[in-house]
C-alpha atoms as a PDB file:
ATOM      1  CA  MET A   1       9.137 -12.089   2.115  1.00  0.00           C
ATOM      2  CA  PRO A   2      11.082  -8.934   1.990  1.00  0.00           C
ATOM      3  CA  LYS A   3      10.550  -5.989   4.497  1.00  0.00           C
ATOM      4  CA  VAL A   4       8.304  -3.378   2.968  1.00  0.00           C
ATOM      5  CA  ILE A   5       8.236   0.114   4.454  1.00  0.00           C
ATOM      6  CA  ILE A   6       5.896   2.937   3.377  1.00  0.00           C
ATOM      7  CA  TYR A   7       6.075   6.529   4.553  1.00  0.00           C
ATOM      8  CA  THR A   8       2.568   8.097   4.394  1.00  0.00           C
ATOM      9  CA  LYS A   9       0.541  11.100   5.558  1.00  0.00           C
ATOM     10  CA  ASP A  10      -2.990  10.511   6.797  1.00  0.00           C
ATOM     11  CA  TYR A  11      -4.727  12.731   4.237  1.00  0.00           C
ATOM     12  CA  CYS A  12      -2.790  11.446   1.150  1.00  0.00           C
ATOM     13  CA  GLY A  13      -4.877   9.847  -1.590  1.00  0.00           C
ATOM     14  CA  TYR A  14      -1.767   8.491  -3.222  1.00  0.00           C
ATOM     15  CA  CYS A  15      -0.824   6.834   0.086  1.00  0.00           C
ATOM     16  CA  PHE A  16      -4.226   5.164   0.227  1.00  0.00           C
ATOM     17  CA  ARG A  17      -3.690   3.924  -3.443  1.00  0.00           C
ATOM     18  CA  ALA A  18      -0.327   2.491  -2.705  1.00  0.00           C
ATOM     19  CA  LYS A  19      -1.360   0.763   0.459  1.00  0.00           C
ATOM     20  CA  ASP A  20      -4.498  -0.670  -1.365  1.00  0.00           C
ATOM     21  CA  LEU A  21      -2.258  -2.224  -4.028  1.00  0.00           C
ATOM     22  CA  LEU A  22      -0.025  -3.758  -1.358  1.00  0.00           C
ATOM     23  CA  ASP A  23      -3.117  -4.956   0.661  1.00  0.00           C
ATOM     24  CA  ASN A  24      -4.608  -6.547  -2.482  1.00  0.00           C
ATOM     25  CA  LYS A  25      -1.256  -8.399  -2.977  1.00  0.00           C
ATOM     26  CA  GLN A  26      -1.378  -9.493   0.646  1.00  0.00           C
ATOM     27  CA  VAL A  27       1.872  -7.767   1.410  1.00  0.00           C
ATOM     28  CA  ASN A  28       2.871  -7.105   5.058  1.00  0.00           C
ATOM     29  CA  TYR A  29       4.165  -3.688   5.342  1.00  0.00           C
ATOM     30  CA  THR A  30       5.289  -1.164   7.926  1.00  0.00           C
ATOM     31  CA  GLU A  31       3.595   2.115   7.655  1.00  0.00           C
ATOM     32  CA  LEU A  32       5.281   5.184   9.027  1.00  0.00           C
ATOM     33  CA  ASP A  33       2.924   7.986   9.178  1.00  0.00           C
ATOM     34  CA  VAL A  34       4.818  11.275   9.043  1.00  0.00           C
ATOM     35  CA  THR A  35       1.778  13.719   9.182  1.00  0.00           C
ATOM     36  CA  ASN A  36       2.768  15.039  12.643  1.00  0.00           C
ATOM     37  CA  ASP A  37       6.195  13.684  12.933  1.00  0.00           C
ATOM     38  CA  PRO A  38       8.803  16.013  11.535  1.00  0.00           C
ATOM     39  CA  GLU A  39      11.655  13.799  12.604  1.00  0.00           C
ATOM     40  CA  LYS A  40      10.241  10.838  10.716  1.00  0.00           C
ATOM     41  CA  GLU A  41       9.518  13.007   7.741  1.00  0.00           C
ATOM     42  CA  GLN A  42      13.157  14.217   7.780  1.00  0.00           C
ATOM     43  CA  GLU A  43      14.249  10.688   7.982  1.00  0.00           C
ATOM     44  CA  MET A  44      12.065   9.830   4.831  1.00  0.00           C
ATOM     45  CA  ARG A  45      13.597  12.851   2.947  1.00  0.00           C
ATOM     46  CA  GLU A  46      17.124  11.704   3.707  1.00  0.00           C
ATOM     47  CA  ARG A  47      16.576   8.098   2.796  1.00  0.00           C
ATOM     48  CA  SER A  48      14.575   8.831  -0.390  1.00  0.00           C
ATOM     49  CA  GLY A  49      15.907  12.274  -1.594  1.00  0.00           C
ATOM     50  CA  ARG A  50      12.305  13.190  -2.102  1.00  0.00           C
ATOM     51  CA  THR A  51       9.808  15.410  -0.245  1.00  0.00           C
ATOM     52  CA  THR A  52       6.471  13.865  -1.286  1.00  0.00           C
ATOM     53  CA  VAL A  53       4.601  10.898   0.139  1.00  0.00           C
ATOM     54  CA  PRO A  54       4.293   8.026  -0.181  1.00  0.00           C
ATOM     55  CA  GLN A  55       7.791   6.923  -0.314  1.00  0.00           C
ATOM     56  CA  ILE A  56       8.215   3.063  -0.527  1.00  0.00           C
ATOM     57  CA  PHE A  57      11.169   0.822   0.267  1.00  0.00           C
ATOM     58  CA  ILE A  58      11.384  -2.985  -0.307  1.00  0.00           C
ATOM     59  CA  ASP A  59      14.238  -4.121   1.884  1.00  0.00           C
ATOM     60  CA  ALA A  60      16.964  -1.495   1.440  1.00  0.00           C
ATOM     61  CA  GLN A  61      15.783  -0.572  -2.142  1.00  0.00           C
ATOM     62  CA  HIS A  62      13.874   2.708  -2.675  1.00  0.00           C
ATOM     63  CA  ILE A  63      10.940   1.931  -4.888  1.00  0.00           C
ATOM     64  CA  GLY A  64       9.761   5.548  -5.118  1.00  0.00           C
ATOM     65  CA  GLY A  65       6.134   6.885  -4.793  1.00  0.00           C
ATOM     66  CA  CYS A  66       2.672   5.521  -5.728  1.00  0.00           C
ATOM     67  CA  ASP A  67       3.166   5.995  -9.479  1.00  0.00           C
ATOM     68  CA  ASP A  68       6.543   4.138  -9.380  1.00  0.00           C
ATOM     69  CA  LEU A  69       4.891   1.287  -7.371  1.00  0.00           C
ATOM     70  CA  PHE A  70       2.170   1.067 -10.010  1.00  0.00           C
ATOM     71  CA  THR A  71       4.617   1.053 -12.819  1.00  0.00           C
ATOM     72  CA  LEU A  72       6.614  -1.794 -11.256  1.00  0.00           C
ATOM     73  CA  ASP A  73       3.357  -3.767 -10.855  1.00  0.00           C
ATOM     74  CA  LYS A  74       2.326  -3.309 -14.449  1.00  0.00           C
ATOM     75  CA  SER A  75       5.645  -4.493 -15.664  1.00  0.00           C
ATOM     76  CA  GLY A  76       5.680  -7.570 -13.401  1.00  0.00           C
ATOM     77  CA  GLU A  77       8.769  -6.390 -11.553  1.00  0.00           C
ATOM     78  CA  LEU A  78       6.995  -5.750  -8.340  1.00  0.00           C
ATOM     79  CA  ASP A  79       6.019  -9.349  -7.860  1.00  0.00           C
ATOM     80  CA  LYS A  80       9.621 -10.477  -8.371  1.00  0.00           C
ATOM     81  CA  LEU A  81      10.828  -7.859  -5.733  1.00  0.00           C
ATOM     82  CA  LEU A  82       8.217  -9.226  -3.259  1.00  0.00           C
ATOM     83  CA  VAL A  83       9.208 -12.801  -3.432  1.00  0.00           C
ATOM     84  CA  SER A  84      12.961 -12.369  -2.958  1.00  0.00           C
END
């Protein structure tokens, strides 16, 4: 199974939705909470080029945010990425 990383903030509803989708698919992921960690948040911004959370990576591939994750799921592409 590929390595999944999700950058989150503890008050973010989109983060909860993204994690819920991954949990329902029984995907193991590493959550990096950037709520009170400016260094991790800067790392997220540099890796993703974005300032919002969540930011999701599957292996080295930047997936994007919550809406991007759900779009991949609806198209069937998410499952393909998760089995590689």
